[in-house]
N, C-alpha and C. Protein backbone atom coordinates (compact mmCIF):
# COMPACT_ATOMS: atom_id res chain seq x y z
N UNK A 1 -185.95 11.51 -105.10
CA UNK A 1 -184.53 11.77 -104.93
C UNK A 1 -184.33 12.75 -103.77
N UNK A 2 -183.54 12.39 -102.79
CA UNK A 2 -183.17 13.30 -101.72
C UNK A 2 -181.84 13.93 -102.07
N UNK A 3 -181.81 15.23 -102.10
CA UNK A 3 -180.58 15.94 -102.44
C UNK A 3 -179.69 16.12 -101.22
N UNK A 4 -178.40 16.31 -101.46
CA UNK A 4 -177.47 16.74 -100.44
C UNK A 4 -176.87 18.06 -100.91
N UNK A 5 -176.23 18.79 -100.00
CA UNK A 5 -175.83 20.16 -100.29
C UNK A 5 -174.38 20.41 -99.92
N UNK A 6 -173.75 21.27 -100.73
CA UNK A 6 -172.36 21.65 -100.50
C UNK A 6 -172.25 23.16 -100.58
N UNK A 7 -171.69 23.75 -99.53
CA UNK A 7 -171.35 25.18 -99.53
C UNK A 7 -169.88 25.31 -99.92
N UNK A 8 -169.60 26.22 -100.81
CA UNK A 8 -168.22 26.42 -101.23
C UNK A 8 -168.04 27.81 -101.82
N UNK A 9 -166.80 28.19 -101.94
CA UNK A 9 -166.42 29.47 -102.51
C UNK A 9 -166.76 29.50 -104.01
N UNK A 10 -167.31 30.60 -104.46
CA UNK A 10 -167.72 30.75 -105.87
C UNK A 10 -166.55 30.49 -106.81
N UNK A 11 -165.38 31.03 -106.50
CA UNK A 11 -164.22 30.84 -107.37
C UNK A 11 -163.82 29.37 -107.46
N UNK A 12 -163.92 28.64 -106.36
CA UNK A 12 -163.62 27.22 -106.37
C UNK A 12 -164.61 26.47 -107.25
N UNK A 13 -165.87 26.88 -107.21
CA UNK A 13 -166.88 26.24 -108.05
C UNK A 13 -166.62 26.52 -109.52
N UNK A 14 -166.29 27.76 -109.84
CA UNK A 14 -166.00 28.10 -111.23
C UNK A 14 -164.80 27.31 -111.75
N UNK A 15 -163.80 27.13 -110.91
CA UNK A 15 -162.62 26.34 -111.29
C UNK A 15 -163.01 24.87 -111.51
N UNK A 16 -163.90 24.36 -110.66
CA UNK A 16 -164.35 22.97 -110.81
C UNK A 16 -165.11 22.78 -112.11
N UNK A 17 -165.91 23.76 -112.48
CA UNK A 17 -166.65 23.67 -113.74
C UNK A 17 -165.70 23.57 -114.93
N UNK A 18 -164.56 24.22 -114.84
CA UNK A 18 -163.57 24.17 -115.93
C UNK A 18 -162.96 22.79 -116.07
N UNK A 19 -162.76 22.09 -114.95
CA UNK A 19 -162.08 20.80 -114.98
C UNK A 19 -163.05 19.62 -114.97
N UNK A 20 -164.30 19.86 -114.56
CA UNK A 20 -165.28 18.79 -114.50
C UNK A 20 -165.36 18.07 -113.17
N UNK A 21 -164.53 18.50 -112.20
CA UNK A 21 -164.61 17.88 -110.87
C UNK A 21 -164.15 18.86 -109.79
N UNK A 22 -164.61 18.60 -108.58
CA UNK A 22 -164.27 19.40 -107.41
C UNK A 22 -163.57 18.51 -106.41
N UNK A 23 -162.31 18.83 -106.10
CA UNK A 23 -161.51 18.00 -105.18
C UNK A 23 -161.81 18.29 -103.72
N UNK A 24 -162.38 19.46 -103.43
CA UNK A 24 -162.72 19.81 -102.06
C UNK A 24 -162.03 21.07 -101.59
N UNK A 25 -162.53 21.60 -100.48
CA UNK A 25 -161.96 22.78 -99.84
C UNK A 25 -160.72 22.37 -99.06
N UNK A 26 -159.95 23.32 -98.54
CA UNK A 26 -158.82 22.94 -97.70
C UNK A 26 -159.22 22.06 -96.51
N UNK A 27 -160.37 22.32 -95.91
CA UNK A 27 -160.85 21.48 -94.80
C UNK A 27 -161.18 20.08 -95.30
N UNK A 28 -161.85 20.00 -96.46
CA UNK A 28 -162.17 18.69 -97.03
C UNK A 28 -160.89 17.90 -97.29
N UNK A 29 -159.92 18.55 -97.91
CA UNK A 29 -158.66 17.87 -98.24
C UNK A 29 -157.94 17.40 -96.98
N UNK A 30 -157.95 18.22 -95.93
CA UNK A 30 -157.31 17.84 -94.67
C UNK A 30 -158.02 16.65 -94.02
N UNK A 31 -159.35 16.60 -94.14
CA UNK A 31 -160.12 15.52 -93.52
C UNK A 31 -160.16 14.25 -94.38
N UNK A 32 -159.81 14.37 -95.65
CA UNK A 32 -159.79 13.21 -96.53
C UNK A 32 -161.10 12.90 -97.21
N UNK A 33 -162.07 13.79 -97.11
CA UNK A 33 -163.36 13.61 -97.77
C UNK A 33 -164.03 14.96 -97.94
N UNK A 34 -164.98 15.02 -98.88
CA UNK A 34 -165.75 16.24 -99.10
C UNK A 34 -166.97 16.21 -98.19
N UNK A 35 -167.13 17.26 -97.41
CA UNK A 35 -168.26 17.40 -96.48
C UNK A 35 -169.50 17.89 -97.23
N UNK A 36 -170.62 17.24 -96.97
CA UNK A 36 -171.92 17.67 -97.47
C UNK A 36 -172.87 17.77 -96.28
N UNK A 37 -174.03 18.37 -96.52
CA UNK A 37 -175.09 18.45 -95.51
C UNK A 37 -176.41 18.05 -96.14
N UNK A 38 -177.33 17.61 -95.32
CA UNK A 38 -178.70 17.39 -95.77
C UNK A 38 -179.42 18.74 -95.72
N UNK A 39 -180.64 18.74 -96.22
CA UNK A 39 -181.45 19.97 -96.17
C UNK A 39 -181.62 20.45 -94.74
N UNK A 40 -181.79 19.51 -93.80
CA UNK A 40 -182.01 19.86 -92.41
C UNK A 40 -180.72 20.35 -91.73
N UNK A 41 -179.57 20.01 -92.25
CA UNK A 41 -178.29 20.35 -91.63
C UNK A 41 -177.63 21.59 -92.24
N UNK A 42 -178.04 21.98 -93.42
CA UNK A 42 -177.32 23.01 -94.18
C UNK A 42 -177.24 24.37 -93.48
N UNK A 43 -178.34 24.84 -92.89
CA UNK A 43 -178.30 26.16 -92.26
C UNK A 43 -177.37 26.17 -91.05
N UNK A 44 -177.39 25.13 -90.25
CA UNK A 44 -176.50 25.07 -89.10
C UNK A 44 -175.03 24.99 -89.56
N UNK A 45 -174.78 24.22 -90.61
CA UNK A 45 -173.43 24.14 -91.18
C UNK A 45 -172.98 25.53 -91.65
N UNK A 46 -173.86 26.23 -92.33
CA UNK A 46 -173.53 27.57 -92.82
C UNK A 46 -173.19 28.51 -91.67
N UNK A 47 -174.00 28.50 -90.62
CA UNK A 47 -173.77 29.39 -89.48
C UNK A 47 -172.49 29.02 -88.73
N UNK A 48 -172.22 27.75 -88.60
CA UNK A 48 -171.08 27.28 -87.82
C UNK A 48 -169.75 27.46 -88.55
N UNK A 49 -169.74 27.19 -89.85
CA UNK A 49 -168.47 27.13 -90.58
C UNK A 49 -168.26 28.23 -91.62
N UNK A 50 -169.30 29.00 -91.95
CA UNK A 50 -169.17 29.96 -93.04
C UNK A 50 -169.59 31.37 -92.66
N UNK A 51 -169.72 31.66 -91.38
CA UNK A 51 -170.11 33.01 -90.95
C UNK A 51 -169.07 34.01 -91.44
N UNK A 52 -169.55 35.08 -92.09
CA UNK A 52 -168.69 36.14 -92.58
C UNK A 52 -168.01 35.86 -93.90
N UNK A 53 -168.27 34.70 -94.49
CA UNK A 53 -167.62 34.34 -95.76
C UNK A 53 -168.46 34.86 -96.93
N UNK A 54 -167.89 35.76 -97.68
CA UNK A 54 -168.56 36.32 -98.87
C UNK A 54 -168.33 35.40 -100.06
N UNK A 55 -169.19 35.51 -101.06
CA UNK A 55 -169.00 34.79 -102.31
C UNK A 55 -169.26 33.30 -102.23
N UNK A 56 -170.21 32.91 -101.39
CA UNK A 56 -170.54 31.48 -101.25
C UNK A 56 -171.54 31.03 -102.31
N UNK A 57 -171.40 29.77 -102.68
CA UNK A 57 -172.37 29.11 -103.55
C UNK A 57 -172.94 27.92 -102.77
N UNK A 58 -174.19 27.61 -103.04
CA UNK A 58 -174.80 26.41 -102.51
C UNK A 58 -175.09 25.49 -103.69
N UNK A 59 -174.50 24.31 -103.64
CA UNK A 59 -174.73 23.31 -104.68
C UNK A 59 -175.74 22.29 -104.20
N UNK A 60 -176.70 21.97 -105.03
CA UNK A 60 -177.65 20.88 -104.79
C UNK A 60 -177.12 19.69 -105.56
N UNK A 61 -176.87 18.60 -104.86
CA UNK A 61 -176.19 17.45 -105.45
C UNK A 61 -177.07 16.21 -105.37
N UNK A 62 -177.12 15.47 -106.48
CA UNK A 62 -177.85 14.21 -106.54
C UNK A 62 -176.92 13.12 -106.02
N UNK A 63 -177.18 12.55 -104.84
CA UNK A 63 -176.26 11.56 -104.29
C UNK A 63 -176.16 10.30 -105.14
N UNK A 64 -177.18 9.98 -105.92
CA UNK A 64 -177.13 8.80 -106.78
C UNK A 64 -176.03 8.93 -107.83
N UNK A 65 -175.66 10.14 -108.18
CA UNK A 65 -174.62 10.37 -109.18
C UNK A 65 -173.21 10.28 -108.59
N UNK A 66 -173.12 10.08 -107.27
CA UNK A 66 -171.81 10.02 -106.62
C UNK A 66 -171.34 8.59 -106.39
N UNK A 67 -172.26 7.66 -106.30
CA UNK A 67 -171.91 6.26 -106.17
C UNK A 67 -171.38 5.86 -104.81
N UNK A 68 -170.66 4.75 -104.78
CA UNK A 68 -170.20 4.11 -103.55
C UNK A 68 -169.24 4.95 -102.71
N UNK A 69 -168.46 5.87 -103.28
CA UNK A 69 -167.57 6.66 -102.40
C UNK A 69 -168.32 7.60 -101.44
N UNK A 70 -169.65 7.74 -101.60
CA UNK A 70 -170.45 8.55 -100.68
C UNK A 70 -170.86 7.68 -99.50
N UNK A 71 -170.51 8.12 -98.31
CA UNK A 71 -170.89 7.39 -97.10
C UNK A 71 -171.58 8.35 -96.14
N UNK A 72 -172.34 7.78 -95.22
CA UNK A 72 -173.03 8.55 -94.20
C UNK A 72 -172.37 8.21 -92.87
N UNK A 73 -171.81 9.23 -92.23
CA UNK A 73 -171.06 9.00 -91.00
C UNK A 73 -171.50 9.97 -89.91
N UNK A 74 -171.44 9.53 -88.65
CA UNK A 74 -171.81 10.42 -87.55
C UNK A 74 -170.86 11.59 -87.43
N UNK A 75 -171.43 12.75 -87.15
CA UNK A 75 -170.64 13.96 -86.94
C UNK A 75 -171.32 14.78 -85.85
N UNK A 76 -171.56 16.03 -86.12
CA UNK A 76 -172.12 16.96 -85.15
C UNK A 76 -173.32 16.36 -84.42
N UNK A 77 -173.18 16.19 -83.11
CA UNK A 77 -174.28 15.68 -82.30
C UNK A 77 -174.67 14.24 -82.61
N UNK A 78 -173.81 13.50 -83.29
CA UNK A 78 -174.12 12.12 -83.64
C UNK A 78 -174.96 11.97 -84.90
N UNK A 79 -175.38 13.09 -85.51
CA UNK A 79 -176.19 13.03 -86.73
C UNK A 79 -175.34 12.49 -87.88
N UNK A 80 -175.99 11.77 -88.78
CA UNK A 80 -175.28 11.25 -89.95
C UNK A 80 -175.15 12.34 -91.00
N UNK A 81 -173.92 12.51 -91.49
CA UNK A 81 -173.63 13.48 -92.54
C UNK A 81 -173.06 12.75 -93.75
N UNK A 82 -173.38 13.24 -94.96
CA UNK A 82 -172.82 12.64 -96.16
C UNK A 82 -171.38 13.11 -96.38
N UNK A 83 -170.49 12.13 -96.62
CA UNK A 83 -169.07 12.40 -96.87
C UNK A 83 -168.67 11.68 -98.16
N UNK A 84 -167.98 12.37 -99.03
CA UNK A 84 -167.56 11.80 -100.30
C UNK A 84 -166.05 11.59 -100.30
N UNK A 85 -165.64 10.35 -100.48
CA UNK A 85 -164.23 9.99 -100.42
C UNK A 85 -163.56 9.95 -101.79
N UNK A 86 -163.89 10.89 -102.62
CA UNK A 86 -163.26 11.09 -103.93
C UNK A 86 -163.65 12.48 -104.41
N UNK A 87 -163.10 12.90 -105.51
CA UNK A 87 -163.51 14.19 -106.08
C UNK A 87 -164.96 14.09 -106.54
N UNK A 88 -165.67 15.21 -106.47
CA UNK A 88 -167.06 15.26 -106.89
C UNK A 88 -167.12 15.66 -108.36
N UNK A 89 -167.73 14.84 -109.21
CA UNK A 89 -167.92 15.27 -110.59
C UNK A 89 -168.95 16.40 -110.64
N UNK A 90 -168.68 17.41 -111.41
CA UNK A 90 -169.62 18.54 -111.49
C UNK A 90 -170.95 18.10 -112.08
N UNK A 91 -170.97 16.98 -112.79
CA UNK A 91 -172.21 16.46 -113.36
C UNK A 91 -173.19 15.98 -112.29
N UNK A 92 -172.72 15.82 -111.05
CA UNK A 92 -173.61 15.41 -109.95
C UNK A 92 -174.44 16.58 -109.42
N UNK A 93 -174.06 17.80 -109.78
CA UNK A 93 -174.75 19.00 -109.30
C UNK A 93 -175.97 19.27 -110.17
N UNK A 94 -177.14 19.34 -109.53
CA UNK A 94 -178.39 19.57 -110.27
C UNK A 94 -178.86 21.01 -110.20
N UNK A 95 -178.30 21.79 -109.25
CA UNK A 95 -178.64 23.21 -109.14
C UNK A 95 -177.54 23.91 -108.35
N UNK A 96 -177.42 25.20 -108.60
CA UNK A 96 -176.45 26.02 -107.88
C UNK A 96 -177.07 27.40 -107.67
N UNK A 97 -176.68 28.02 -106.56
CA UNK A 97 -177.14 29.40 -106.35
C UNK A 97 -176.20 30.11 -105.39
N UNK A 98 -176.13 31.42 -105.60
CA UNK A 98 -175.32 32.27 -104.71
C UNK A 98 -176.04 32.42 -103.39
N UNK A 99 -175.27 32.54 -102.31
CA UNK A 99 -175.81 32.68 -100.96
C UNK A 99 -175.42 34.04 -100.40
N UNK A 100 -176.41 34.77 -99.92
CA UNK A 100 -176.17 36.07 -99.29
C UNK A 100 -175.97 35.89 -97.79
N UNK A 101 -175.37 36.90 -97.17
CA UNK A 101 -175.19 36.91 -95.73
C UNK A 101 -176.24 37.83 -95.10
N UNK A 102 -176.69 37.46 -93.89
CA UNK A 102 -177.61 38.35 -93.18
C UNK A 102 -176.81 39.46 -92.50
N UNK A 103 -177.48 40.31 -91.74
CA UNK A 103 -176.83 41.45 -91.09
C UNK A 103 -175.74 41.03 -90.11
N UNK A 104 -175.79 39.81 -89.59
CA UNK A 104 -174.79 39.30 -88.68
C UNK A 104 -173.69 38.51 -89.37
N UNK A 105 -173.75 38.44 -90.71
CA UNK A 105 -172.75 37.72 -91.48
C UNK A 105 -173.00 36.23 -91.62
N UNK A 106 -174.19 35.79 -91.22
CA UNK A 106 -174.54 34.37 -91.34
C UNK A 106 -175.14 34.12 -92.73
N UNK A 107 -174.63 33.11 -93.43
CA UNK A 107 -175.22 32.79 -94.74
C UNK A 107 -176.69 32.40 -94.58
N UNK A 108 -177.51 32.89 -95.50
CA UNK A 108 -178.95 32.61 -95.48
C UNK A 108 -179.24 31.53 -96.50
N UNK A 109 -179.52 30.33 -96.02
CA UNK A 109 -179.77 29.20 -96.90
C UNK A 109 -181.21 29.18 -97.40
N UNK A 110 -182.16 29.40 -96.50
CA UNK A 110 -183.57 29.33 -96.88
C UNK A 110 -184.05 27.89 -96.99
N UNK A 111 -185.24 27.72 -97.51
CA UNK A 111 -185.85 26.39 -97.62
C UNK A 111 -185.14 25.59 -98.69
N UNK A 112 -184.93 24.32 -98.39
CA UNK A 112 -184.27 23.41 -99.33
C UNK A 112 -185.13 22.17 -99.54
N UNK A 113 -184.97 21.57 -100.70
CA UNK A 113 -185.65 20.31 -100.99
C UNK A 113 -184.98 19.21 -100.17
N UNK A 114 -185.77 18.46 -99.42
CA UNK A 114 -185.16 17.39 -98.61
C UNK A 114 -184.63 16.25 -99.48
């Protein structure tokens, strides 16, 4: 199983756990899909879009639990990124962890399972 990853605000994740699904961040909602990253893309995504953001969570998601609404589309540099065109059921998340910021405010993702 290859996992995909979602960075999000801790409070948004806690709210999703209460309802059983995550509709997405304001950026996700504006774009019409939930943005995910692969293990190889997650650190660059964190540095580019989440610098200085406190209270982040990293979700490890099993793409098989998302079904057909998950598509792979070209994005940054033409690389394929996973995009989910529906709310994410919290049952698709296999692990979660808090993310700290380094001295420059960049989230530190560390090694991830591909």
